[in-house]
Amino acid sequence: MNTTPRASGRCLCGAVSFQVFGDLRDVFNCHCHRCRRFTGHHMAATAADIADLKIEDGDSNLRWFYPVPEAGYAFCQKCGSSLFWQSGLTTDRISICAGTLDPPTRLKTVQAWWTDEASDYHARPILREFETE
């Protein structure tokens, strides 16, 4: 693992913080119904190798919710901040809610997923889009 963090972030109250020591993927927006309800809008997420992520959670406030076996959502139980998403199908990568990262992130939004489930109020920017399969 690299010894210099590439990025850092935290929940709203600061009870859960993290550092990323490796590369971050550019941001994908997910409009699926679960991500919309988890974040209150759409999930804007980057991703990293789990081995490059160091989570600091001294009071054990990080909680995981699995609405289905293939999708886990992590949040701070103290303030409710949406923090992470992970596919139950992989254990080596984790998605990080981009809004939790400390700026400057040097990331850009490059794709939108599950666009057929996007809410009707949201005018989406011009991005490469992927509907459900």
Protein backbone atom coordinates (compact mmCIF):
# COMPACT_ATOMS: atom_id res chain seq x y z
CA MET A 1 0.00 0.00 0.00
CA ASN A 2 1.13 3.50 -0.82
CA THR A 3 1.97 5.46 2.35
CA THR A 4 0.54 8.80 1.13
CA PRO A 5 -3.26 9.04 0.94
CA ARG A 6 -4.69 9.80 -2.50
CA ALA A 7 -7.94 10.98 -0.92
CA SER A 8 -9.72 11.30 2.40
CA GLY A 9 -13.31 11.68 3.45
CA ARG A 10 -15.82 11.35 6.26
CA CYS A 11 -19.45 11.28 7.24
CA LEU A 12 -21.29 14.47 8.23
CA CYS A 13 -20.58 14.15 11.97
CA GLY A 14 -17.01 12.86 11.54
CA ALA A 15 -17.58 9.63 13.49
CA VAL A 16 -16.52 7.59 10.43
CA SER A 17 -13.60 8.80 8.35
CA PHE A 18 -11.44 7.12 5.75
CA GLN A 19 -8.37 7.44 3.58
CA VAL A 20 -7.74 5.99 0.14
CA PHE A 21 -4.14 5.11 -0.63
CA GLY A 22 -4.58 3.96 -4.24
CA ASP A 23 -6.30 5.03 -7.43
CA LEU A 24 -9.90 6.16 -7.54
CA ARG A 25 -12.18 5.52 -10.50
CA ASP A 26 -13.95 8.53 -11.99
CA VAL A 27 -17.52 9.04 -10.76
CA PHE A 28 -20.51 7.04 -11.95
CA ASN A 29 -24.05 8.19 -11.16
CA CYS A 30 -26.47 5.38 -10.31
CA HIS A 31 -30.19 6.10 -10.62
CA CYS A 32 -31.50 2.68 -9.50
CA HIS A 33 -34.34 2.77 -6.99
CA ARG A 34 -32.16 1.46 -4.14
CA CYS A 35 -29.38 4.04 -4.66
CA ARG A 36 -31.95 6.84 -4.98
CA ARG A 37 -33.53 5.89 -1.68
CA PHE A 38 -30.16 5.36 0.05
CA THR A 39 -28.85 8.80 -0.91
CA GLY A 40 -32.05 10.80 -1.39
CA HIS A 41 -31.19 11.60 -5.03
CA HIS A 42 -28.86 9.42 -7.09
CA MET A 43 -25.63 7.86 -5.95
CA ALA A 44 -22.55 9.61 -7.30
CA ALA A 45 -19.76 7.16 -6.53
CA THR A 46 -16.12 6.57 -7.18
CA ALA A 47 -14.46 3.23 -6.42
CA ALA A 48 -11.21 1.88 -5.03
CA ASP A 49 -9.55 -1.39 -4.14
CA ILE A 50 -10.53 -2.41 -0.63
CA ALA A 51 -6.87 -3.01 0.14
CA ASP A 52 -6.28 0.72 -0.50
CA LEU A 53 -9.04 1.88 1.89
CA LYS A 54 -8.41 2.60 5.57
CA ILE A 55 -11.58 3.24 7.57
CA GLU A 56 -11.37 4.92 10.97
CA ASP A 57 -14.42 4.11 13.08
CA GLY A 58 -13.40 4.07 16.73
CA ASP A 59 -16.95 3.91 18.10
CA SER A 60 -18.21 1.31 15.57
CA ASN A 61 -20.70 3.64 13.88
CA LEU A 62 -20.35 2.13 10.39
CA ARG A 63 -23.36 -0.05 9.60
CA TRP A 64 -24.09 -2.18 6.52
CA PHE A 65 -27.55 -2.82 5.08
CA TYR A 66 -28.12 -5.54 2.46
CA PRO A 67 -31.55 -5.13 0.83
CA VAL A 68 -30.56 -7.99 -1.50
CA PRO A 69 -27.52 -10.30 -1.26
CA GLU A 70 -25.80 -8.65 -4.22
CA ALA A 71 -25.94 -5.06 -2.91
CA GLY A 72 -24.65 -3.70 0.40
CA TYR A 73 -24.93 -0.08 1.53
CA ALA A 74 -22.86 1.39 4.38
CA PHE A 75 -23.80 4.42 6.45
CA CYS A 76 -22.93 6.14 9.71
CA GLN A 77 -25.41 5.13 12.40
CA LYS A 78 -24.77 8.37 14.29
CA CYS A 79 -25.56 10.92 11.55
CA GLY A 80 -27.04 8.77 8.77
CA SER A 81 -24.52 9.74 6.09
CA SER A 82 -24.39 7.44 3.07
CA LEU A 83 -20.76 6.30 2.73
CA PHE A 84 -20.13 3.13 0.72
CA TRP A 85 -21.69 0.60 -1.62
CA GLN A 86 -20.37 -2.86 -2.38
CA SER A 87 -21.50 -5.62 -4.65
CA GLY A 88 -22.04 -8.88 -2.83
CA LEU A 89 -20.43 -10.48 -5.88
CA THR A 90 -16.97 -8.99 -5.28
CA THR A 91 -14.82 -8.50 -2.21
CA ASP A 92 -11.86 -6.62 -3.71
CA ARG A 93 -13.51 -3.29 -4.74
CA ILE A 94 -15.73 -0.83 -2.91
CA SER A 95 -17.69 2.17 -4.15
CA ILE A 96 -17.34 5.39 -2.17
CA CYS A 97 -20.03 8.07 -2.17
CA ALA A 98 -18.23 10.90 -3.95
CA GLY A 99 -19.81 13.61 -1.80
CA THR A 100 -18.03 12.26 1.27
CA LEU A 101 -14.58 12.96 -0.22
CA ASP A 102 -12.65 16.03 0.85
CA PRO A 103 -12.08 18.39 -2.11
CA PRO A 104 -10.22 18.72 -4.32
CA THR A 105 -11.04 15.23 -5.59
CA ARG A 106 -9.63 15.66 -9.10
CA LEU A 107 -12.42 13.35 -10.30
CA LYS A 108 -15.05 13.87 -12.97
CA THR A 109 -18.46 12.31 -13.57
CA VAL A 110 -18.23 10.05 -16.62
CA GLN A 111 -21.23 7.68 -16.66
CA ALA A 112 -24.83 7.32 -15.56
CA TRP A 113 -26.29 3.89 -14.74
CA TRP A 114 -29.86 2.58 -14.44
CA THR A 115 -31.08 5.73 -16.16
CA ASP A 116 -34.50 4.21 -16.86
CA GLU A 117 -35.09 4.35 -13.08
CA ALA A 118 -34.09 8.02 -12.74
CA SER A 119 -36.69 10.18 -11.04
CA ASP A 120 -38.77 12.47 -13.23
CA TYR A 121 -37.60 15.68 -11.49
CA HIS A 122 -33.93 15.21 -12.38
CA ALA A 123 -32.56 16.64 -15.62
CA ARG A 124 -29.52 14.47 -16.26
CA PRO A 125 -26.31 15.90 -17.74
CA ILE A 126 -25.11 14.51 -21.04
CA LEU A 127 -23.16 11.40 -20.06
CA ARG A 128 -22.76 7.90 -21.40
CA GLU A 129 -25.95 6.21 -20.12
CA PHE A 130 -26.80 2.61 -19.30
CA GLU A 131 -30.35 1.38 -18.75
CA THR A 132 -31.18 -1.76 -16.82
CA GLU A 133 -30.57 -5.03 -18.57
